[in-house]
């Protein structure tokens, strides 16, 4: 029972961090908006590095969250 409580706490923290990282990102402009001319923005070097870091952070946090959820059910 104690390990489930630890997993639950970690899941809440990782989910909160994932929400924050997603909210900080700029919209990509894909989907329907790109077909109406909304996807033509370019990024400079510093902005590109920040975007790459946020993208990688999103994937790592999402993967870690999935692993935590699966591990809490074992």
Protein backbone atom coordinates (compact mmCIF):
# COMPACT_ATOMS: atom_id res chain seq x y z
CA UNK A 1 0.00 0.00 0.00
CA UNK A 2 2.89 2.35 0.74
CA UNK A 3 4.40 1.89 -2.73
CA UNK A 4 1.07 2.79 -4.36
CA UNK A 5 1.03 6.05 -2.37
CA UNK A 6 4.54 6.85 -3.58
CA UNK A 7 3.58 6.07 -7.18
CA UNK A 8 0.45 8.20 -6.83
CA UNK A 9 2.47 11.15 -5.55
CA UNK A 10 4.97 10.80 -8.40
CA UNK A 11 2.16 10.52 -10.95
CA UNK A 12 0.58 13.75 -9.69
CA UNK A 13 3.92 15.61 -9.79
CA UNK A 14 4.83 14.36 -13.29
CA UNK A 15 1.32 15.11 -14.60
CA UNK A 16 1.54 18.66 -13.23
CA UNK A 17 4.98 19.17 -14.81
CA UNK A 18 3.67 17.81 -18.11
CA UNK A 19 0.78 20.29 -18.04
CA UNK A 20 3.17 23.18 -17.33
CA UNK A 21 5.55 22.19 -20.14
CA UNK A 22 2.67 21.86 -22.61
CA UNK A 23 1.19 25.22 -21.62
CA UNK A 24 4.57 26.98 -22.08
CA UNK A 25 4.97 25.76 -25.67
CA UNK A 26 3.96 27.89 -28.61
CA UNK A 27 1.25 26.50 -30.89
CA UNK A 28 2.70 24.69 -33.89
CA UNK A 29 0.17 26.06 -36.37
CA UNK A 30 -0.55 22.65 -37.87
CA UNK A 31 -3.89 21.12 -38.64
CA UNK A 32 -6.54 23.18 -40.39
CA UNK A 33 -4.82 26.52 -39.77
CA UNK A 34 -1.87 25.56 -42.00
CA UNK A 35 -4.18 24.89 -44.95
CA UNK A 36 -5.56 28.43 -44.64
CA UNK A 37 -2.13 30.10 -44.61
CA UNK A 38 -1.39 30.04 -40.88
CA UNK A 39 1.73 27.85 -40.85
CA UNK A 40 4.43 30.09 -42.32
CA UNK A 41 6.41 31.17 -39.26
CA UNK A 42 10.17 30.68 -38.97
CA UNK A 43 12.23 30.45 -35.80
CA UNK A 44 15.63 31.87 -34.90
CA UNK A 45 18.46 29.88 -33.25
CA UNK A 46 17.69 30.57 -29.57
CA UNK A 47 13.98 30.04 -29.98
CA UNK A 48 14.62 26.80 -31.86
CA UNK A 49 16.77 25.43 -29.03
CA UNK A 50 14.10 26.29 -26.47
CA UNK A 51 11.44 24.67 -28.63
CA UNK A 52 13.57 21.52 -28.99
CA UNK A 53 14.07 21.38 -25.22
CA UNK A 54 10.34 21.75 -24.58
CA UNK A 55 9.50 19.11 -27.19
CA UNK A 56 11.95 16.63 -25.69
CA UNK A 57 10.75 17.43 -22.18
CA UNK A 58 7.17 16.75 -23.23
CA UNK A 59 8.05 13.34 -24.67
CA UNK A 60 10.21 12.36 -21.69
CA UNK A 61 7.57 13.41 -19.16
CA UNK A 62 4.78 11.67 -21.09
CA UNK A 63 6.83 8.47 -21.31
CA UNK A 64 7.74 8.64 -17.62
CA UNK A 65 4.08 9.22 -16.72
CA UNK A 66 3.04 6.17 -18.75
CA UNK A 67 5.72 4.03 -17.08
CA UNK A 68 4.65 5.22 -13.62
CA UNK A 69 1.01 4.43 -14.33
CA UNK A 70 1.86 0.95 -15.59
CA UNK A 71 4.23 0.30 -12.68
CA UNK A 72 1.62 1.38 -10.13
CA UNK A 73 -0.69 -1.37 -11.39
CA UNK A 74 1.85 -4.15 -10.84
